[in-house]
Amino acid sequence: ADRKWSGFPEGTIVGHVHLKVADLDKTQE
């Protein structure tokens, strides 16, 4: 760290979304 925090910097993205699902096989398909 450089300890220069001013929030999420330029270039921050939603890298992934993790979901709670009901059926893994249907989700995979």
PDB file of all heavy atoms in Angstrom:
ATOM      1  N   ALA A   1       0.828  -1.214   0.000  1.00  0.00           N
ATOM      2  CA  ALA A   1       0.000   0.000   0.000  1.00  0.00           C
ATOM      3  C   ALA A   1       0.858   1.258   0.000  1.00  0.00           C
ATOM      4  O   ALA A   1       1.958   1.284   0.571  1.00  0.00           O
ATOM      5  CB  ALA A   1      -0.913   0.000   1.221  1.00  0.00           C
ATOM      6  N   ASP A   2       0.353   2.311  -0.634  1.00  0.00           N
ATOM      7  CA  ASP A   2       1.004   3.617  -0.538  1.00  0.00           C
ATOM      8  C   ASP A   2       0.246   4.545   0.404  1.00  0.00           C
ATOM      9  O   ASP A   2       0.605   5.703   0.569  1.00  0.00           O
ATOM     10  CB  ASP A   2       1.158   4.267  -1.915  1.00  0.00           C
ATOM     11  CG  ASP A   2      -0.169   4.541  -2.617  1.00  0.00           C
ATOM     12  OD1 ASP A   2      -1.237   4.424  -1.972  1.00  0.00           O
ATOM     13  OD2 ASP A   2      -0.144   4.867  -3.818  1.00  0.00           O
ATOM     14  N   ARG A   3      -0.837   4.010   1.004  1.00  0.00           N
ATOM     15  CA  ARG A   3      -1.644   4.725   2.001  1.00  0.00           C
ATOM     16  C   ARG A   3      -2.245   6.018   1.449  1.00  0.00           C
ATOM     17  O   ARG A   3      -2.442   6.990   2.176  1.00  0.00           O
ATOM     18  CB  ARG A   3      -0.826   4.981   3.274  1.00  0.00           C
ATOM     19  CG  ARG A   3      -0.360   3.685   3.924  1.00  0.00           C
ATOM     20  CD  ARG A   3       0.506   3.901   5.159  1.00  0.00           C
ATOM     21  NE  ARG A   3       0.988   2.620   5.673  1.00  0.00           N
ATOM     22  CZ  ARG A   3       0.358   1.890   6.595  1.00  0.00           C
ATOM     23  NH1 ARG A   3      -0.767   2.330   7.116  1.00  0.00           N
ATOM     24  NH2 ARG A   3       0.860   0.734   6.987  1.00  0.00           N
ATOM     25  N   LYS A   4      -2.578   6.001   0.167  1.00  0.00           N
ATOM     26  CA  LYS A   4      -3.230   7.143  -0.470  1.00  0.00           C
ATOM     27  C   LYS A   4      -4.642   6.746  -0.882  1.00  0.00           C
ATOM     28  O   LYS A   4      -5.004   6.768  -2.057  1.00  0.00           O
ATOM     29  CB  LYS A   4      -2.424   7.620  -1.676  1.00  0.00           C
ATOM     30  CG  LYS A   4      -1.046   8.168  -1.313  1.00  0.00           C
ATOM     31  CD  LYS A   4      -0.280   8.620  -2.546  1.00  0.00           C
ATOM     32  CE  LYS A   4       1.092   9.150  -2.186  1.00  0.00           C
ATOM     33  NZ  LYS A   4       1.874   9.558  -3.405  1.00  0.00           N
ATOM     34  N   TRP A   5      -5.433   6.359   0.099  1.00  0.00           N
ATOM     35  CA  TRP A   5      -6.792   5.900  -0.166  1.00  0.00           C
ATOM     36  C   TRP A   5      -7.716   7.063  -0.473  1.00  0.00           C
ATOM     37  O   TRP A   5      -7.793   8.031   0.279  1.00  0.00           O
ATOM     38  CB  TRP A   5      -7.335   5.134   1.037  1.00  0.00           C
ATOM     39  CG  TRP A   5      -8.792   4.779   0.944  1.00  0.00           C
ATOM     40  CD1 TRP A   5      -9.833   5.443   1.517  1.00  0.00           C
ATOM     41  CD2 TRP A   5      -9.365   3.675   0.236  1.00  0.00           C
ATOM     42  NE1 TRP A   5     -11.024   4.821   1.214  1.00  0.00           N
ATOM     43  CE2 TRP A   5     -10.768   3.741   0.425  1.00  0.00           C
ATOM     44  CE3 TRP A   5      -8.836   2.643  -0.535  1.00  0.00           C
ATOM     45  CZ2 TRP A   5     -11.634   2.805  -0.129  1.00  0.00           C
ATOM     46  CZ3 TRP A   5      -9.703   1.718  -1.087  1.00  0.00           C
ATOM     47  CH2 TRP A   5     -11.085   1.806  -0.873  1.00  0.00           C
ATOM     48  N   SER A   6      -8.420   6.973  -1.584  1.00  0.00           N
ATOM     49  CA  SER A   6      -9.481   7.942  -1.877  1.00  0.00           C
ATOM     50  C   SER A   6     -10.629   7.223  -2.583  1.00  0.00           C
ATOM     51  O   SER A   6     -11.239   7.748  -3.505  1.00  0.00           O
ATOM     52  CB  SER A   6      -8.957   9.099  -2.732  1.00  0.00           C
ATOM     53  OG  SER A   6      -8.332   8.634  -3.909  1.00  0.00           O
ATOM     54  N   GLY A   7     -10.897   6.005  -2.146  1.00  0.00           N
ATOM     55  CA  GLY A   7     -11.957   5.211  -2.733  1.00  0.00           C
ATOM     56  C   GLY A   7     -11.451   4.320  -3.856  1.00  0.00           C
ATOM     57  O   GLY A   7     -10.267   4.308  -4.180  1.00  0.00           O
ATOM     58  N   PHE A   8     -12.366   3.549  -4.434  1.00  0.00           N
ATOM     59  CA  PHE A   8     -11.996   2.653  -5.532  1.00  0.00           C
ATOM     60  C   PHE A   8     -11.434   3.470  -6.690  1.00  0.00           C
ATOM     61  O   PHE A   8     -12.089   4.398  -7.180  1.00  0.00           O
ATOM     62  CB  PHE A   8     -13.204   1.864  -6.018  1.00  0.00           C
ATOM     63  CG  PHE A   8     -13.629   0.736  -5.101  1.00  0.00           C
ATOM     64  CD1 PHE A   8     -14.824   0.089  -5.322  1.00  0.00           C
ATOM     65  CD2 PHE A   8     -12.842   0.316  -4.043  1.00  0.00           C
ATOM     66  CE1 PHE A   8     -15.229  -0.956  -4.507  1.00  0.00           C
ATOM     67  CE2 PHE A   8     -13.233  -0.720  -3.216  1.00  0.00           C
ATOM     68  CZ  PHE A   8     -14.437  -1.363  -3.448  1.00  0.00           C
ATOM     69  N   PRO A   9     -10.250   3.121  -7.172  1.00  0.00           N
ATOM     70  CA  PRO A   9      -9.608   3.938  -8.211  1.00  0.00           C
ATOM     71  C   PRO A   9     -10.187   3.683  -9.592  1.00  0.00           C
ATOM     72  O   PRO A   9     -10.933   2.711  -9.828  1.00  0.00           O
ATOM     73  CB  PRO A   9      -8.157   3.466  -8.148  1.00  0.00           C
ATOM     74  CG  PRO A   9      -8.260   2.026  -7.740  1.00  0.00           C
ATOM     75  CD  PRO A   9      -9.405   1.989  -6.751  1.00  0.00           C
ATOM     76  N   GLU A  10      -9.823   4.553 -10.519  1.00  0.00           N
ATOM     77  CA  GLU A  10     -10.160   4.362 -11.920  1.00  0.00           C
ATOM     78  C   GLU A  10      -9.683   2.986 -12.361  1.00  0.00           C
ATOM     79  O   GLU A  10      -8.584   2.559 -12.019  1.00  0.00           O
ATOM     80  CB  GLU A  10      -9.492   5.453 -12.764  1.00  0.00           C
ATOM     81  CG  GLU A  10      -9.820   5.395 -14.235  1.00  0.00           C
ATOM     82  CD  GLU A  10      -9.151   6.512 -15.001  1.00  0.00           C
ATOM     83  OE1 GLU A  10      -8.544   7.384 -14.365  1.00  0.00           O
ATOM     84  OE2 GLU A  10      -9.247   6.505 -16.244  1.00  0.00           O
ATOM     85  N   GLY A  11     -10.513   2.292 -13.110  1.00  0.00           N
ATOM     86  CA  GLY A  11     -10.154   0.944 -13.552  1.00  0.00           C
ATOM     87  C   GLY A  11     -10.773  -0.163 -12.727  1.00  0.00           C
ATOM     88  O   GLY A  11     -10.685  -1.339 -13.090  1.00  0.00           O
ATOM     89  N   THR A  12     -11.413   0.199 -11.609  1.00  0.00           N
ATOM     90  CA  THR A  12     -12.131  -0.795 -10.816  1.00  0.00           C
ATOM     91  C   THR A  12     -13.356  -1.273 -11.602  1.00  0.00           C
ATOM     92  O   THR A  12     -14.066  -0.469 -12.207  1.00  0.00           O
ATOM     93  CB  THR A  12     -12.586  -0.200  -9.475  1.00  0.00           C
ATOM     94  OG1 THR A  12     -11.434   0.204  -8.731  1.00  0.00           O
ATOM     95  CG2 THR A  12     -13.380  -1.211  -8.661  1.00  0.00           C
ATOM     96  N   ILE A  13     -13.600  -2.579 -11.593  1.00  0.00           N
ATOM     97  CA  ILE A  13     -14.756  -3.147 -12.286  1.00  0.00           C
ATOM     98  C   ILE A  13     -15.439  -4.174 -11.382  1.00  0.00           C
ATOM     99  O   ILE A  13     -14.895  -4.543 -10.335  1.00  0.00           O
ATOM    100  CB  ILE A  13     -14.352  -3.830 -13.615  1.00  0.00           C
ATOM    101  CG1 ILE A  13     -13.386  -4.990 -13.351  1.00  0.00           C
ATOM    102  CG2 ILE A  13     -13.747  -2.827 -14.582  1.00  0.00           C
ATOM    103  CD1 ILE A  13     -13.099  -5.847 -14.572  1.00  0.00           C
ATOM    104  N   VAL A  14     -16.618  -4.616 -11.788  1.00  0.00           N
ATOM    105  CA  VAL A  14     -17.209  -5.800 -11.170  1.00  0.00           C
ATOM    106  C   VAL A  14     -16.537  -7.001 -11.842  1.00  0.00           C
ATOM    107  O   VAL A  14     -16.830  -7.338 -12.989  1.00  0.00           O
ATOM    108  CB  VAL A  14     -18.737  -5.848 -11.356  1.00  0.00           C
ATOM    109  CG1 VAL A  14     -19.290  -7.192 -10.875  1.00  0.00           C
ATOM    110  CG2 VAL A  14     -19.399  -4.712 -10.583  1.00  0.00           C
ATOM    111  N   GLY A  15     -15.604  -7.610 -11.133  1.00  0.00           N
ATOM    112  CA  GLY A  15     -14.827  -8.695 -11.711  1.00  0.00           C
ATOM    113  C   GLY A  15     -15.626  -9.962 -11.881  1.00  0.00           C
ATOM    114  O   GLY A  15     -15.454 -10.701 -12.859  1.00  0.00           O
ATOM    115  N   HIS A  16     -16.496 -10.244 -10.918  1.00  0.00           N
ATOM    116  CA  HIS A  16     -17.389 -11.403 -11.050  1.00  0.00           C
ATOM    117  C   HIS A  16     -18.585 -11.243 -10.121  1.00  0.00           C
ATOM    118  O   HIS A  16     -18.598 -10.380  -9.238  1.00  0.00           O
ATOM    119  CB  HIS A  16     -16.648 -12.725 -10.795  1.00  0.00           C
ATOM    120  CG  HIS A  16     -16.084 -12.893  -9.414  1.00  0.00           C
ATOM    121  ND1 HIS A  16     -14.792 -12.545  -9.080  1.00  0.00           N
ATOM    122  CD2 HIS A  16     -16.625 -13.395  -8.265  1.00  0.00           C
ATOM    123  CE1 HIS A  16     -14.555 -12.827  -7.814  1.00  0.00           C
ATOM    124  NE2 HIS A  16     -15.658 -13.346  -7.290  1.00  0.00           N
ATOM    125  N   VAL A  17     -19.567 -12.084 -10.353  1.00  0.00           N
ATOM    126  CA  VAL A  17     -20.771 -12.131  -9.536  1.00  0.00           C
ATOM    127  C   VAL A  17     -20.952 -13.582  -9.095  1.00  0.00           C
ATOM    128  O   VAL A  17     -20.939 -14.491  -9.930  1.00  0.00           O
ATOM    129  CB  VAL A  17     -22.007 -11.661 -10.324  1.00  0.00           C
ATOM    130  CG1 VAL A  17     -23.254 -11.719  -9.448  1.00  0.00           C
ATOM    131  CG2 VAL A  17     -21.810 -10.248 -10.858  1.00  0.00           C
ATOM    132  N   HIS A  18     -21.096 -13.784  -7.793  1.00  0.00           N
ATOM    133  CA  HIS A  18     -21.253 -15.141  -7.250  1.00  0.00           C
ATOM    134  C   HIS A  18     -22.696 -15.288  -6.784  1.00  0.00           C
ATOM    135  O   HIS A  18     -23.196 -14.478  -6.009  1.00  0.00           O
ATOM    136  CB  HIS A  18     -20.274 -15.350  -6.099  1.00  0.00           C
ATOM    137  CG  HIS A  18     -20.099 -16.791  -5.714  1.00  0.00           C
ATOM    138  ND1 HIS A  18     -18.908 -17.285  -5.241  1.00  0.00           N
ATOM    139  CD2 HIS A  18     -20.949 -17.841  -5.726  1.00  0.00           C
ATOM    140  CE1 HIS A  18     -19.038 -18.578  -4.983  1.00  0.00           C
ATOM    141  NE2 HIS A  18     -20.288 -18.933  -5.269  1.00  0.00           N
ATOM    142  N   LEU A  19     -23.365 -16.346  -7.269  1.00  0.00           N
ATOM    143  CA  LEU A  19     -24.796 -16.519  -7.084  1.00  0.00           C
ATOM    144  C   LEU A  19     -25.135 -17.707  -6.195  1.00  0.00           C
ATOM    145  O   LEU A  19     -24.436 -18.722  -6.196  1.00  0.00           O
ATOM    146  CB  LEU A  19     -25.463 -16.731  -8.456  1.00  0.00           C
ATOM    147  CG  LEU A  19     -25.229 -15.643  -9.501  1.00  0.00           C
ATOM    148  CD1 LEU A  19     -25.730 -16.108 -10.861  1.00  0.00           C
ATOM    149  CD2 LEU A  19     -25.896 -14.328  -9.092  1.00  0.00           C
ATOM    150  N   LYS A  20     -26.233 -17.567  -5.461  1.00  0.00           N
ATOM    151  CA  LYS A  20     -26.851 -18.688  -4.755  1.00  0.00           C
ATOM    152  C   LYS A  20     -27.876 -19.293  -5.699  1.00  0.00           C
ATOM    153  O   LYS A  20     -28.801 -18.595  -6.132  1.00  0.00           O
ATOM    154  CB  LYS A  20     -27.534 -18.205  -3.471  1.00  0.00           C
ATOM    155  CG  LYS A  20     -26.587 -17.558  -2.465  1.00  0.00           C
ATOM    156  CD  LYS A  20     -27.321 -17.063  -1.232  1.00  0.00           C
ATOM    157  CE  LYS A  20     -28.211 -15.877  -1.541  1.00  0.00           C
ATOM    158  NZ  LYS A  20     -28.795 -15.260  -0.326  1.00  0.00           N
ATOM    159  N   VAL A  21     -27.735 -20.567  -6.025  1.00  0.00           N
ATOM    160  CA  VAL A  21     -28.612 -21.184  -7.014  1.00  0.00           C
ATOM    161  C   VAL A  21     -29.355 -22.373  -6.414  1.00  0.00           C
ATOM    162  O   VAL A  21     -29.027 -22.860  -5.330  1.00  0.00           O
ATOM    163  CB  VAL A  21     -27.818 -21.612  -8.273  1.00  0.00           C
ATOM    164  CG1 VAL A  21     -27.092 -20.414  -8.874  1.00  0.00           C
ATOM    165  CG2 VAL A  21     -26.845 -22.752  -7.964  1.00  0.00           C
ATOM    166  N   ALA A  22     -30.350 -22.850  -7.168  1.00  0.00           N
ATOM    167  CA  ALA A  22     -31.176 -23.956  -6.707  1.00  0.00           C
ATOM    168  C   ALA A  22     -30.716 -25.299  -7.257  1.00  0.00           C
ATOM    169  O   ALA A  22     -30.871 -26.333  -6.607  1.00  0.00           O
ATOM    170  CB  ALA A  22     -32.637 -23.715  -7.105  1.00  0.00           C
ATOM    171  N   ASP A  23     -30.157 -25.286  -8.479  1.00  0.00           N
ATOM    172  CA  ASP A  23     -29.800 -26.528  -9.164  1.00  0.00           C
ATOM    173  C   ASP A  23     -28.525 -26.298  -9.971  1.00  0.00           C
ATOM    174  O   ASP A  23     -28.524 -25.520 -10.930  1.00  0.00           O
ATOM    175  CB  ASP A  23     -30.957 -26.965 -10.070  1.00  0.00           C
ATOM    176  CG  ASP A  23     -30.743 -28.314 -10.703  1.00  0.00           C
ATOM    177  OD1 ASP A  23     -29.724 -28.503 -11.387  1.00  0.00           O
ATOM    178  OD2 ASP A  23     -31.606 -29.195 -10.519  1.00  0.00           O
ATOM    179  N   LEU A  24     -27.444 -26.978  -9.606  1.00  0.00           N
ATOM    180  CA  LEU A  24     -26.161 -26.751 -10.274  1.00  0.00           C
ATOM    181  C   LEU A  24     -26.145 -27.285 -11.704  1.00  0.00           C
ATOM    182  O   LEU A  24     -25.536 -26.679 -12.588  1.00  0.00           O
ATOM    183  CB  LEU A  24     -25.031 -27.392  -9.476  1.00  0.00           C
ATOM    184  CG  LEU A  24     -24.504 -26.603  -8.273  1.00  0.00           C
ATOM    185  CD1 LEU A  24     -23.456 -27.422  -7.533  1.00  0.00           C
ATOM    186  CD2 LEU A  24     -23.908 -25.267  -8.695  1.00  0.00           C
ATOM    187  N   ASP A  25     -26.800 -28.407 -11.942  1.00  0.00           N
ATOM    188  CA  ASP A  25     -26.788 -28.968 -13.294  1.00  0.00           C
ATOM    189  C   ASP A  25     -27.528 -28.061 -14.274  1.00  0.00           C
ATOM    190  O   ASP A  25     -27.052 -27.812 -15.388  1.00  0.00           O
ATOM    191  CB  ASP A  25     -27.412 -30.363 -13.290  1.00  0.00           C
ATOM    192  CG  ASP A  25     -26.542 -31.385 -12.574  1.00  0.00           C
ATOM    193  OD1 ASP A  25     -25.311 -31.172 -12.511  1.00  0.00           O
ATOM    194  OD2 ASP A  25     -27.086 -32.380 -12.062  1.00  0.00           O
ATOM    195  N   LYS A  26     -28.693 -27.560 -13.873  1.00  0.00           N
ATOM    196  CA  LYS A  26     -29.426 -26.626 -14.733  1.00  0.00           C
ATOM    197  C   LYS A  26     -28.651 -25.323 -14.907  1.00  0.00           C
ATOM    198  O   LYS A  26     -28.679 -24.711 -15.988  1.00  0.00           O
ATOM    199  CB  LYS A  26     -30.813 -26.352 -14.152  1.00  0.00           C
ATOM    200  CG  LYS A  26     -31.754 -27.536 -14.220  1.00  0.00           C
ATOM    201  CD  LYS A  26     -33.115 -27.197 -13.614  1.00  0.00           C
ATOM    202  CE  LYS A  26     -34.060 -28.395 -13.683  1.00  0.00           C
ATOM    203  NZ  LYS A  26     -35.373 -28.095 -13.052  1.00  0.00           N
ATOM    204  N   THR A  27     -27.969 -24.898 -13.841  1.00  0.00           N
ATOM    205  CA  THR A  27     -27.154 -23.687 -13.921  1.00  0.00           C
ATOM    206  C   THR A  27     -26.016 -23.873 -14.913  1.00  0.00           C
ATOM    207  O   THR A  27     -25.743 -22.988 -15.738  1.00  0.00           O
ATOM    208  CB  THR A  27     -26.596 -23.335 -12.530  1.00  0.00           C
ATOM    209  OG1 THR A  27     -27.692 -23.067 -11.640  1.00  0.00           O
ATOM    210  CG2 THR A  27     -25.696 -22.113 -12.584  1.00  0.00           C
ATOM    211  N   GLN A  28     -25.353 -25.026 -14.859  1.00  0.00           N
ATOM    212  CA  GLN A  28     -24.269 -25.314 -15.804  1.00  0.00           C
ATOM    213  C   GLN A  28     -24.770 -25.326 -17.239  1.00  0.00           C
ATOM    214  O   GLN A  28     -24.148 -24.734 -18.130  1.00  0.00           O
ATOM    215  CB  GLN A  28     -23.624 -26.652 -15.473  1.00  0.00           C
ATOM    216  CG  GLN A  28     -22.536 -27.062 -16.471  1.00  0.00           C
ATOM    217  CD  GLN A  28     -21.859 -28.353 -16.091  1.00  0.00           C
ATOM    218  OE1 GLN A  28     -21.440 -28.539 -14.961  1.00  0.00           O
ATOM    219  NE2 GLN A  28     -21.753 -29.271 -17.044  1.00  0.00           N
ATOM    220  N   GLU A  29     -25.894 -25.976 -17.475  1.00  0.00           N
ATOM    221  CA  GLU A  29     -26.439 -26.027 -18.829  1.00  0.00           C
ATOM    222  C   GLU A  29     -26.763 -24.627 -19.340  1.00  0.00           C
ATOM    223  O   GLU A  29     -26.480 -24.295 -20.502  1.00  0.00           O
ATOM    224  CB  GLU A  29     -27.698 -26.893 -18.846  1.00  0.00           C
ATOM    225  CG  GLU A  29     -28.328 -27.014 -20.228  1.00  0.00           C
ATOM    226  CD  GLU A  29     -29.603 -27.842 -20.229  1.00  0.00           C
ATOM    227  OE1 GLU A  29     -30.096 -28.202 -19.133  1.00  0.00           O
ATOM    228  OE2 GLU A  29     -30.120 -28.118 -21.330  1.00  0.00           O
TER     229      GLU A  29
END
